[in-house]
Amino acid sequence: MSYVVIATMIAKPGQEDLVEKTLREAAAEVHAEPGCARWALHRRTGSAGHFVMVEKWESKEALAAHGKAPALAGIGRVLKDALEGPADVVVYDALPAGDAGKGAL
């Protein structure tokens, strides 16, 4: 079973570029973590400071390891004063439906 994570972060005014840069720079390291099937950055249309990370992890163990990985710790250190508050992180169980290429992340 795979796990989908939606992590929402809101940058403080003036910190939008730092947040985007930090998340973009961490991507290669996170993508190399065992069990990472997707770690994709998005920004809310029309809102420079609202970021959403859409993630997919191959197992509960991979997701747990990601939570303790150096990349995530580094992101936390850099962004600790750049965000309005802690990231809102929600984990979902994947429920594929319909067309295999369209019905699941």
PDB file of N, CA and C in Angstrom:
ATOM      1  N   MET A   1       0.845  -1.178   0.000  1.00  0.00           N
ATOM      2  CA  MET A   1       0.000   0.000   0.000  1.00  0.00           C
ATOM      3  C   MET A   1       0.889   1.239   0.000  1.00  0.00           C
ATOM      4  N   SER A   2       0.535   2.205  -0.809  1.00  0.00           N
ATOM      5  CA  SER A   2       1.289   3.456  -0.822  1.00  0.00           C
ATOM      6  C   SER A   2       0.556   4.512   0.013  1.00  0.00           C
ATOM      7  N   TYR A   3       1.301   5.543   0.359  1.00  0.00           N
ATOM      8  CA  TYR A   3       0.771   6.627   1.185  1.00  0.00           C
ATOM      9  C   TYR A   3       0.985   7.945   0.464  1.00  0.00           C
ATOM     10  N   VAL A   4      -0.053   8.744   0.410  1.00  0.00           N
ATOM     11  CA  VAL A   4       0.008  10.055  -0.215  1.00  0.00           C
ATOM     12  C   VAL A   4      -0.001  11.097   0.893  1.00  0.00           C
ATOM     13  N   VAL A   5       0.873  12.069   0.769  1.00  0.00           N
ATOM     14  CA  VAL A   5       0.986  13.134   1.760  1.00  0.00           C
ATOM     15  C   VAL A   5       0.737  14.460   1.059  1.00  0.00           C
ATOM     16  N   ILE A   6      -0.068  15.297   1.683  1.00  0.00           N
ATOM     17  CA  ILE A   6      -0.263  16.670   1.236  1.00  0.00           C
ATOM     18  C   ILE A   6       0.244  17.552   2.371  1.00  0.00           C
ATOM     19  N   ALA A   7       1.309  18.297   2.095  1.00  0.00           N
ATOM     20  CA  ALA A   7       1.909  19.189   3.097  1.00  0.00           C
ATOM     21  C   ALA A   7       1.743  20.627   2.614  1.00  0.00           C
ATOM     22  N   THR A   8       1.053  21.434   3.404  1.00  0.00           N
ATOM     23  CA  THR A   8       0.797  22.820   3.049  1.00  0.00           C
ATOM     24  C   THR A   8       1.634  23.727   3.928  1.00  0.00           C
ATOM     25  N   MET A   9       2.304  24.687   3.290  1.00  0.00           N
ATOM     26  CA  MET A   9       3.154  25.645   4.004  1.00  0.00           C
ATOM     27  C   MET A   9       2.798  27.053   3.545  1.00  0.00           C
ATOM     28  N   ILE A  10       2.742  27.985   4.483  1.00  0.00           N
ATOM     29  CA  ILE A  10       2.463  29.377   4.155  1.00  0.00           C
ATOM     30  C   ILE A  10       3.659  30.217   4.577  1.00  0.00           C
ATOM     31  N   ALA A  11       4.257  30.872   3.595  1.00  0.00           N
ATOM     32  CA  ALA A  11       5.429  31.712   3.856  1.00  0.00           C
ATOM     33  C   ALA A  11       4.994  33.030   4.487  1.00  0.00           C
ATOM     34  N   LYS A  12       5.831  33.525   5.382  1.00  0.00           N
ATOM     35  CA  LYS A  12       5.627  34.878   5.901  1.00  0.00           C
ATOM     36  C   LYS A  12       5.876  35.855   4.750  1.00  0.00           C
ATOM     37  N   PRO A  13       5.231  37.019   4.797  1.00  0.00           N
ATOM     38  CA  PRO A  13       5.485  38.016   3.753  1.00  0.00           C
ATOM     39  C   PRO A  13       6.981  38.305   3.638  1.00  0.00           C
ATOM     40  N   GLY A  14       7.461  38.322   2.409  1.00  0.00           N
ATOM     41  CA  GLY A  14       8.874  38.563   2.150  1.00  0.00           C
ATOM     42  C   GLY A  14       9.733  37.315   2.181  1.00  0.00           C
ATOM     43  N   GLN A  15       9.179  36.175   2.572  1.00  0.00           N
ATOM     44  CA  GLN A  15       9.945  34.929   2.674  1.00  0.00           C
ATOM     45  C   GLN A  15       9.600  33.926   1.574  1.00  0.00           C
ATOM     46  N   GLU A  16       8.766  34.331   0.642  1.00  0.00           N
ATOM     47  CA  GLU A  16       8.299  33.412  -0.399  1.00  0.00           C
ATOM     48  C   GLU A  16       9.451  32.825  -1.215  1.00  0.00           C
ATOM     49  N   ASP A  17      10.399  33.654  -1.616  1.00  0.00           N
ATOM     50  CA  ASP A  17      11.521  33.166  -2.426  1.00  0.00           C
ATOM     51  C   ASP A  17      12.382  32.175  -1.653  1.00  0.00           C
ATOM     52  N   LEU A  18      12.609  32.433  -0.376  1.00  0.00           N
ATOM     53  CA  LEU A  18      13.403  31.519   0.452  1.00  0.00           C
ATOM     54  C   LEU A  18      12.710  30.165   0.566  1.00  0.00           C
ATOM     55  N   VAL A  19      11.412  30.182   0.790  1.00  0.00           N
ATOM     56  CA  VAL A  19      10.673  28.925   0.927  1.00  0.00           C
ATOM     57  C   VAL A  19      10.762  28.130  -0.373  1.00  0.00           C
ATOM     58  N   GLU A  20      10.480  28.774  -1.491  1.00  0.00           N
ATOM     59  CA  GLU A  20      10.537  28.071  -2.776  1.00  0.00           C
ATOM     60  C   GLU A  20      11.942  27.540  -3.050  1.00  0.00           C
ATOM     61  N   LYS A  21      12.949  28.367  -2.874  1.00  0.00           N
ATOM     62  CA  LYS A  21      14.339  27.969  -3.128  1.00  0.00           C
ATOM     63  C   LYS A  21      14.743  26.780  -2.262  1.00  0.00           C
ATOM     64  N   THR A  22      14.393  26.824  -0.995  1.00  0.00           N
ATOM     65  CA  THR A  22      14.756  25.755  -0.060  1.00  0.00           C
ATOM     66  C   THR A  22      14.114  24.437  -0.461  1.00  0.00           C
ATOM     67  N   LEU A  23      12.835  24.474  -0.798  1.00  0.00           N
ATOM     68  CA  LEU A  23      12.133  23.249  -1.183  1.00  0.00           C
ATOM     69  C   LEU A  23      12.653  22.716  -2.516  1.00  0.00           C
ATOM     70  N   ARG A  24      12.921  23.598  -3.462  1.00  0.00           N
ATOM     71  CA  ARG A  24      13.466  23.153  -4.751  1.00  0.00           C
ATOM     72  C   ARG A  24      14.837  22.505  -4.571  1.00  0.00           C
ATOM     73  N   GLU A  25      15.673  23.112  -3.736  1.00  0.00           N
ATOM     74  CA  GLU A  25      17.026  22.574  -3.531  1.00  0.00           C
ATOM     75  C   GLU A  25      17.018  21.236  -2.812  1.00  0.00           C
ATOM     76  N   ALA A  26      16.007  20.972  -2.008  1.00  0.00           N
ATOM     77  CA  ALA A  26      15.918  19.706  -1.275  1.00  0.00           C
ATOM     78  C   ALA A  26      15.388  18.568  -2.139  1.00  0.00           C
ATOM     79  N   ALA A  27      14.797  18.893  -3.273  1.00  0.00           N
ATOM     80  CA  ALA A  27      14.104  17.881  -4.073  1.00  0.00           C
ATOM     81  C   ALA A  27      14.993  16.699  -4.450  1.00  0.00           C
ATOM     82  N   ALA A  28      16.183  16.944  -4.959  1.00  0.00           N
ATOM     83  CA  ALA A  28      17.043  15.830  -5.392  1.00  0.00           C
ATOM     84  C   ALA A  28      17.360  14.892  -4.235  1.00  0.00           C
ATOM     85  N   GLU A  29      17.627  15.464  -3.063  1.00  0.00           N
ATOM     86  CA  GLU A  29      17.950  14.633  -1.897  1.00  0.00           C
ATOM     87  C   GLU A  29      16.734  13.805  -1.464  1.00  0.00           C
ATOM     88  N   VAL A  30      15.565  14.420  -1.448  1.00  0.00           N
ATOM     89  CA  VAL A  30      14.360  13.679  -1.061  1.00  0.00           C
ATOM     90  C   VAL A  30      14.031  12.615  -2.099  1.00  0.00           C
ATOM     91  N   HIS A  31      14.144  12.964  -3.370  1.00  0.00           N
ATOM     92  CA  HIS A  31      13.856  11.987  -4.425  1.00  0.00           C
ATOM     93  C   HIS A  31      14.745  10.755  -4.322  1.00  0.00           C
ATOM     94  N   ALA A  32      15.930  10.898  -3.768  1.00  0.00           N
ATOM     95  CA  ALA A  32      16.861   9.775  -3.613  1.00  0.00           C
ATOM     96  C   ALA A  32      16.569   8.919  -2.382  1.00  0.00           C
ATOM     97  N   GLU A  33      15.664   9.366  -1.523  1.00  0.00           N
ATOM     98  CA  GLU A  33      15.334   8.580  -0.327  1.00  0.00           C
ATOM     99  C   GLU A  33      14.622   7.294  -0.737  1.00  0.00           C
ATOM    100  N   PRO A  34      14.956   6.186  -0.081  1.00  0.00           N
ATOM    101  CA  PRO A  34      14.277   4.922  -0.387  1.00  0.00           C
ATOM    102  C   PRO A  34      12.766   5.054  -0.197  1.00  0.00           C
ATOM    103  N   GLY A  35      12.019   4.602  -1.178  1.00  0.00           N
ATOM    104  CA  GLY A  35      10.560   4.595  -1.072  1.00  0.00           C
ATOM    105  C   GLY A  35       9.876   5.867  -1.531  1.00  0.00           C
ATOM    106  N   CYS A  36      10.637   6.860  -1.980  1.00  0.00           N
ATOM    107  CA  CYS A  36      10.026   8.094  -2.474  1.00  0.00           C
ATOM    108  C   CYS A  36       9.561   7.867  -3.910  1.00  0.00           C
ATOM    109  N   ALA A  37       8.256   7.886  -4.116  1.00  0.00           N
ATOM    110  CA  ALA A  37       7.699   7.737  -5.459  1.00  0.00           C
ATOM    111  C   ALA A  37       7.332   9.093  -6.061  1.00  0.00           C
ATOM    112  N   ARG A  38       7.102  10.090  -5.205  1.00  0.00           N
ATOM    113  CA  ARG A  38       6.774  11.435  -5.684  1.00  0.00           C
ATOM    114  C   ARG A  38       7.003  12.426  -4.555  1.00  0.00           C
ATOM    115  N   TRP A  39       7.562  13.553  -4.901  1.00  0.00           N
ATOM    116  CA  TRP A  39       7.735  14.686  -3.979  1.00  0.00           C
ATOM    117  C   TRP A  39       7.718  15.903  -4.877  1.00  0.00           C
ATOM    118  N   ALA A  40       6.539  16.507  -5.053  1.00  0.00           N
ATOM    119  CA  ALA A  40       6.335  17.516  -6.081  1.00  0.00           C
ATOM    120  C   ALA A  40       5.799  18.806  -5.472  1.00  0.00           C
ATOM    121  N   LEU A  41       6.485  19.896  -5.764  1.00  0.00           N
ATOM    122  CA  LEU A  41       6.151  21.212  -5.215  1.00  0.00           C
ATOM    123  C   LEU A  41       5.133  21.935  -6.091  1.00  0.00           C
ATOM    124  N   HIS A  42       4.184  22.592  -5.430  1.00  0.00           N
ATOM    125  CA  HIS A  42       3.165  23.390  -6.108  1.00  0.00           C
ATOM    126  C   HIS A  42       2.951  24.690  -5.335  1.00  0.00           C
ATOM    127  N   ARG A  43       2.449  25.687  -6.034  1.00  0.00           N
ATOM    128  CA  ARG A  43       2.073  26.954  -5.398  1.00  0.00           C
ATOM    129  C   ARG A  43       0.610  27.228  -5.746  1.00  0.00           C
ATOM    130  N   ARG A  44      -0.132  27.714  -4.764  1.00  0.00           N
ATOM    131  CA  ARG A  44      -1.529  28.064  -5.016  1.00  0.00           C
ATOM    132  C   ARG A  44      -1.576  29.182  -6.055  1.00  0.00           C
ATOM    133  N   THR A  45      -2.380  29.004  -7.069  1.00  0.00           N
ATOM    134  CA  THR A  45      -2.524  30.002  -8.118  1.00  0.00           C
ATOM    135  C   THR A  45      -2.976  31.328  -7.512  1.00  0.00           C
ATOM    136  N   GLY A  46      -2.253  32.377  -7.833  1.00  0.00           N
ATOM    137  CA  GLY A  46      -2.602  33.709  -7.356  1.00  0.00           C
ATOM    138  C   GLY A  46      -2.124  34.032  -5.955  1.00  0.00           C
ATOM    139  N   SER A  47      -1.340  33.157  -5.347  1.00  0.00           N
ATOM    140  CA  SER A  47      -0.869  33.381  -3.982  1.00  0.00           C
ATOM    141  C   SER A  47       0.599  32.978  -3.872  1.00  0.00           C
ATOM    142  N   ALA A  48       1.483  33.965  -3.886  1.00  0.00           N
ATOM    143  CA  ALA A  48       2.922  33.694  -3.904  1.00  0.00           C
ATOM    144  C   ALA A  48       3.419  32.940  -2.679  1.00  0.00           C
ATOM    145  N   GLY A  49       2.708  32.996  -1.570  1.00  0.00           N
ATOM    146  CA  GLY A  49       3.213  32.417  -0.335  1.00  0.00           C
ATOM    147  C   GLY A  49       2.599  31.105   0.100  1.00  0.00           C
ATOM    148  N   HIS A  50       1.655  30.560  -0.663  1.00  0.00           N
ATOM    149  CA  HIS A  50       1.007  29.301  -0.286  1.00  0.00           C
ATOM    150  C   HIS A  50       1.587  28.154  -1.110  1.00  0.00           C
ATOM    151  N   PHE A  51       2.314  27.264  -0.449  1.00  0.00           N
ATOM    152  CA  PHE A  51       2.971  26.145  -1.117  1.00  0.00           C
ATOM    153  C   PHE A  51       2.332  24.833  -0.682  1.00  0.00           C
ATOM    154  N   VAL A  52       2.281  23.891  -1.612  1.00  0.00           N
ATOM    155  CA  VAL A  52       1.765  22.562  -1.325  1.00  0.00           C
ATOM    156  C   VAL A  52       2.733  21.539  -1.898  1.00  0.00           C
ATOM    157  N   MET A  53       3.134  20.598  -1.067  1.00  0.00           N
ATOM    158  CA  MET A  53       3.972  19.493  -1.499  1.00  0.00           C
ATOM    159  C   MET A  53       3.067  18.262  -1.599  1.00  0.00           C
ATOM    160  N   VAL A  54       3.036  17.651  -2.784  1.00  0.00           N
ATOM    161  CA  VAL A  54       2.287  16.413  -2.988  1.00  0.00           C
ATOM    162  C   VAL A  54       3.314  15.289  -3.017  1.00  0.00           C
ATOM    163  N   GLU A  55       3.140  14.352  -2.105  1.00  0.00           N
ATOM    164  CA  GLU A  55       4.129  13.287  -1.949  1.00  0.00           C
ATOM    165  C   GLU A  55       3.465  11.918  -2.082  1.00  0.00           C
ATOM    166  N   LYS A  56       4.256  10.946  -2.486  1.00  0.00           N
ATOM    167  CA  LYS A  56       3.804   9.557  -2.487  1.00  0.00           C
ATOM    168  C   LYS A  56       4.955   8.704  -1.987  1.00  0.00           C
ATOM    169  N   TRP A  57       4.660   7.892  -0.985  1.00  0.00           N
ATOM    170  CA  TRP A  57       5.663   7.018  -0.385  1.00  0.00           C
ATOM    171  C   TRP A  57       5.210   5.577  -0.529  1.00  0.00           C
ATOM    172  N   GLU A  58       6.151   4.692  -0.833  1.00  0.00           N
ATOM    173  CA  GLU A  58       5.827   3.303  -1.136  1.00  0.00           C
ATOM    174  C   GLU A  58       5.434   2.468   0.074  1.00  0.00           C
ATOM    175  N   SER A  59       5.777   2.941   1.274  1.00  0.00           N
ATOM    176  CA  SER A  59       5.430   2.179   2.476  1.00  0.00           C
ATOM    177  C   SER A  59       5.386   3.107   3.684  1.00  0.00           C
ATOM    178  N   LYS A  60       4.775   2.611   4.732  1.00  0.00           N
ATOM    179  CA  LYS A  60       4.726   3.348   5.993  1.00  0.00           C
ATOM    180  C   LYS A  60       6.133   3.561   6.538  1.00  0.00           C
ATOM    181  N   GLU A  61       6.998   2.550   6.349  1.00  0.00           N
ATOM    182  CA  GLU A  61       8.376   2.637   6.827  1.00  0.00           C
ATOM    183  C   GLU A  61       9.157   3.728   6.066  1.00  0.00           C
ATOM    184  N   ALA A  62       8.942   3.802   4.752  1.00  0.00           N
ATOM    185  CA  ALA A  62       9.622   4.832   3.957  1.00  0.00           C
ATOM    186  C   ALA A  62       9.166   6.220   4.385  1.00  0.00           C
ATOM    187  N   LEU A  63       7.882   6.383   4.628  1.00  0.00           N
ATOM    188  CA  LEU A  63       7.357   7.671   5.079  1.00  0.00           C
ATOM    189  C   LEU A  63       7.927   8.028   6.451  1.00  0.00           C
ATOM    190  N   ALA A  64       8.010   7.058   7.337  1.00  0.00           N
ATOM    191  CA  ALA A  64       8.571   7.312   8.669  1.00  0.00           C
ATOM    192  C   ALA A  64      10.049   7.695   8.572  1.00  0.00           C
ATOM    193  N   ALA A  65      10.794   7.023   7.702  1.00  0.00           N
ATOM    194  CA  ALA A  65      12.211   7.346   7.521  1.00  0.00           C
ATOM    195  C   ALA A  65      12.367   8.753   6.949  1.00  0.00           C
ATOM    196  N   HIS A  66      11.495   9.138   6.038  1.00  0.00           N
ATOM    197  CA  HIS A  66      11.529  10.489   5.469  1.00  0.00           C
ATOM    198  C   HIS A  66      11.369  11.531   6.574  1.00  0.00           C
ATOM    199  N   GLY A  67      10.505  11.253   7.517  1.00  0.00           N
ATOM    200  CA  GLY A  67      10.275  12.190   8.618  1.00  0.00           C
ATOM    201  C   GLY A  67      11.500  12.430   9.479  1.00  0.00           C
ATOM    202  N   LYS A  68      12.475  11.524   9.416  1.00  0.00           N
ATOM    203  CA  LYS A  68      13.706  11.641  10.216  1.00  0.00           C
ATOM    204  C   LYS A  68      14.935  11.884   9.343  1.00  0.00           C
ATOM    205  N   ALA A  69      14.711  12.055   8.047  1.00  0.00           N
ATOM    206  CA  ALA A  69      15.820  12.159   7.100  1.00  0.00           C
ATOM    207  C   ALA A  69      16.509  13.517   7.174  1.00  0.00           C
ATOM    208  N   PRO A  70      17.786  13.559   6.793  1.00  0.00           N
ATOM    209  CA  PRO A  70      18.539  14.819   6.813  1.00  0.00           C
ATOM    210  C   PRO A  70      17.906  15.926   5.967  1.00  0.00           C
ATOM    211  N   ALA A  71      17.321  15.568   4.826  1.00  0.00           N
ATOM    212  CA  ALA A  71      16.730  16.605   3.964  1.00  0.00           C
ATOM    213  C   ALA A  71      15.615  17.345   4.681  1.00  0.00           C
ATOM    214  N   LEU A  72      14.738  16.618   5.336  1.00  0.00           N
ATOM    215  CA  LEU A  72      13.613  17.259   6.030  1.00  0.00           C
ATOM    216  C   LEU A  72      14.112  18.068   7.223  1.00  0.00           C
ATOM    217  N   ALA A  73      15.111  17.569   7.917  1.00  0.00           N
ATOM    218  CA  ALA A  73      15.687  18.324   9.031  1.00  0.00           C
ATOM    219  C   ALA A  73      16.296  19.629   8.537  1.00  0.00           C
ATOM    220  N   GLY A  74      16.975  19.573   7.398  1.00  0.00           N
ATOM    221  CA  GLY A  74      17.573  20.778   6.827  1.00  0.00           C
ATOM    222  C   GLY A  74      16.519  21.794   6.416  1.00  0.00           C
ATOM    223  N   ILE A  75      15.440  21.320   5.812  1.00  0.00           N
ATOM    224  CA  ILE A  75      14.343  22.208   5.447  1.00  0.00           C
ATOM    225  C   ILE A  75      13.803  22.891   6.698  1.00  0.00           C
ATOM    226  N   GLY A  76      13.617  22.127   7.746  1.00  0.00           N
ATOM    227  CA  GLY A  76      13.099  22.675   8.999  1.00  0.00           C
ATOM    228  C   GLY A  76      14.002  23.753   9.580  1.00  0.00           C
ATOM    229  N   ARG A  77      15.306  23.519   9.536  1.00  0.00           N
ATOM    230  CA  ARG A  77      16.261  24.514  10.066  1.00  0.00           C
ATOM    231  C   ARG A  77      16.194  25.815   9.281  1.00  0.00           C
ATOM    232  N   VAL A  78      16.178  25.704   7.967  1.00  0.00           N
ATOM    233  CA  VAL A  78      16.199  26.897   7.129  1.00  0.00           C
ATOM    234  C   VAL A  78      14.886  27.662   7.212  1.00  0.00           C
ATOM    235  N   LEU A  79      13.782  26.949   7.273  1.00  0.00           N
ATOM    236  CA  LEU A  79      12.477  27.608   7.196  1.00  0.00           C
ATOM    237  C   LEU A  79      11.815  27.871   8.537  1.00  0.00           C
ATOM    238  N   LYS A  80      12.489  27.580   9.641  1.00  0.00           N
ATOM    239  CA  LYS A  80      11.838  27.700  10.952  1.00  0.00           C
ATOM    240  C   LYS A  80      11.269  29.078  11.235  1.00  0.00           C
ATOM    241  N   ASP A  81      11.887  30.132  10.714  1.00  0.00           N
ATOM    242  CA  ASP A  81      11.386  31.485  10.929  1.00  0.00           C
ATOM    243  C   ASP A  81      10.762  32.083   9.674  1.00  0.00           C
ATOM    244  N   ALA A  82      10.655  31.299   8.603  1.00  0.00           N
ATOM    245  CA  ALA A  82      10.152  31.813   7.327  1.00  0.00           C
ATOM    246  C   ALA A  82       8.684  31.469   7.076  1.00  0.00           C
ATOM    247  N   LEU A  83       8.123  30.593   7.892  1.00  0.00           N
ATOM    248  CA  LEU A  83       6.741  30.157   7.697  1.00  0.00           C
ATOM    249  C   LEU A  83       5.825  30.768   8.744  1.00  0.00           C
ATOM    250  N   GLU A  84       4.566  30.939   8.367  1.00  0.00           N
ATOM    251  CA  GLU A  84       3.559  31.478   9.292  1.00  0.00           C
ATOM    252  C   GLU A  84       3.340  30.547  10.485  1.00  0.00           C
ATOM    253  N   GLY A  85       3.583  29.276  10.300  1.00  0.00           N
ATOM    254  CA  GLY A  85       3.412  28.275  11.354  1.00  0.00           C
ATOM    255  C   GLY A  85       3.937  26.954  10.833  1.00  0.00           C
ATOM    256  N   PRO A  86       3.770  25.899  11.605  1.00  0.00           N
ATOM    257  CA  PRO A  86       4.238  24.592  11.133  1.00  0.00           C
ATOM    258  C   PRO A  86       3.476  24.163   9.881  1.00  0.00           C
ATOM    259  N   ALA A  87       4.128  23.356   9.085  1.00  0.00           N
ATOM    260  CA  ALA A  87       3.462  22.809   7.898  1.00  0.00           C
ATOM    261  C   ALA A  87       2.246  21.992   8.334  1.00  0.00           C
ATOM    262  N   ASP A  88       1.180  22.091   7.562  1.00  0.00           N
ATOM    263  CA  ASP A  88      -0.010  21.270   7.785  1.00  0.00           C
ATOM    264  C   ASP A  88       0.181  20.011   6.947  1.00  0.00           C
ATOM    265  N   VAL A  89       0.435  18.895   7.614  1.00  0.00           N
ATOM    266  CA  VAL A  89       0.759  17.645   6.929  1.00  0.00           C
ATOM    267  C   VAL A  89      -0.366  16.641   7.163  1.00  0.00           C
ATOM    268  N   VAL A  90      -0.933  16.139   6.052  1.00  0.00           N
ATOM    269  CA  VAL A  90      -2.008  15.151   6.136  1.00  0.00           C
ATOM    270  C   VAL A  90      -1.595  13.939   5.311  1.00  0.00           C
ATOM    271  N   VAL A  91      -1.706  12.750   5.889  1.00  0.00           N
ATOM    272  CA  VAL A  91      -1.341  11.502   5.223  1.00  0.00           C
ATOM    273  C   VAL A  91      -2.618  10.773   4.815  1.00  0.00           C
ATOM    274  N   TYR A  92      -2.635  10.300   3.578  1.00  0.00           N
ATOM    275  CA  TYR A  92      -3.790   9.596   3.027  1.00  0.00           C
ATOM    276  C   TYR A  92      -3.382   8.208   2.568  1.00  0.00           C
ATOM    277  N   ASP A  93      -4.274   7.243   2.720  1.00  0.00           N
ATOM    278  CA  ASP A  93      -4.096   5.930   2.113  1.00  0.00           C
ATOM    279  C   ASP A  93      -4.537   6.054   0.658  1.00  0.00           C
ATOM    280  N   ALA A  94      -3.728   5.580  -0.270  1.00  0.00           N
ATOM    281  CA  ALA A  94      -4.090   5.619  -1.680  1.00  0.00           C
ATOM    282  C   ALA A  94      -5.212   4.623  -1.947  1.00  0.00           C
ATOM    283  N   LEU A  95      -6.215   5.062  -2.708  1.00  0.00           N
ATOM    284  CA  LEU A  95      -7.341   4.214  -3.094  1.00  0.00           C
ATOM    285  C   LEU A  95      -7.495   4.284  -4.616  1.00  0.00           C
ATOM    286  N   PRO A  96      -6.624   3.598  -5.355  1.00  0.00           N
ATOM    287  CA  PRO A  96      -6.693   3.655  -6.810  1.00  0.00           C
ATOM    288  C   PRO A  96      -8.068   3.254  -7.317  1.00  0.00           C
ATOM    289  N   ALA A  97      -8.536   3.956  -8.363  1.00  0.00           N
ATOM    290  CA  ALA A  97      -9.844   3.666  -8.952  1.00  0.00           C
ATOM    291  C   ALA A  97      -9.832   3.997 -10.433  1.00  0.00           C
ATOM    292  N   GLY A  98     -10.581   3.270 -11.200  1.00  0.00           N
ATOM    293  CA  GLY A  98     -10.688   3.570 -12.626  1.00  0.00           C
ATOM    294  C   GLY A  98      -9.421   3.261 -13.374  1.00  0.00           C
ATOM    295  N   ASP A  99      -9.109   4.094 -14.345  1.00  0.00           N
ATOM    296  CA  ASP A  99      -7.922   3.944 -15.187  1.00  0.00           C
ATOM    297  C   ASP A  99      -6.666   3.969 -14.326  1.00  0.00           C
ATOM    298  N   ALA A 100      -5.795   2.978 -14.484  1.00  0.00           N
ATOM    299  CA  ALA A 100      -4.588   2.881 -13.651  1.00  0.00           C
ATOM    300  C   ALA A 100      -3.687   4.095 -13.780  1.00  0.00           C
ATOM    301  N   GLY A 101      -3.627   4.704 -14.941  1.00  0.00           N
ATOM    302  CA  GLY A 101      -2.778   5.856 -15.157  1.00  0.00           C
ATOM    303  C   GLY A 101      -3.381   7.153 -14.686  1.00  0.00           C
ATOM    304  N   LYS A 102      -4.673   7.173 -14.461  1.00  0.00           N
ATOM    305  CA  LYS A 102      -5.357   8.403 -14.076  1.00  0.00           C
ATOM    306  C   LYS A 102      -5.971   8.355 -12.682  1.00  0.00           C
ATOM    307  N   GLY A 103      -6.169   7.173 -12.169  1.00  0.00           N
ATOM    308  CA  GLY A 103      -6.909   7.027 -10.913  1.00  0.00           C
ATOM    309  C   GLY A 103      -6.054   6.904  -9.671  1.00  0.00           C
ATOM    310  N   ALA A 104      -4.764   7.183  -9.807  1.00  0.00           N
ATOM    311  CA  ALA A 104      -3.877   7.107  -8.641  1.00  0.00           C
ATOM    312  C   ALA A 104      -2.664   7.975  -8.885  1.00  0.00           C
ATOM    313  N   LEU A 105      -2.086   8.452  -7.801  1.00  0.00           N
ATOM    314  CA  LEU A 105      -0.820   9.167  -7.901  1.00  0.00           C
ATOM    315  C   LEU A 105       0.302   8.150  -7.938  1.00  0.00           C
TER     316      LEU A 105
END
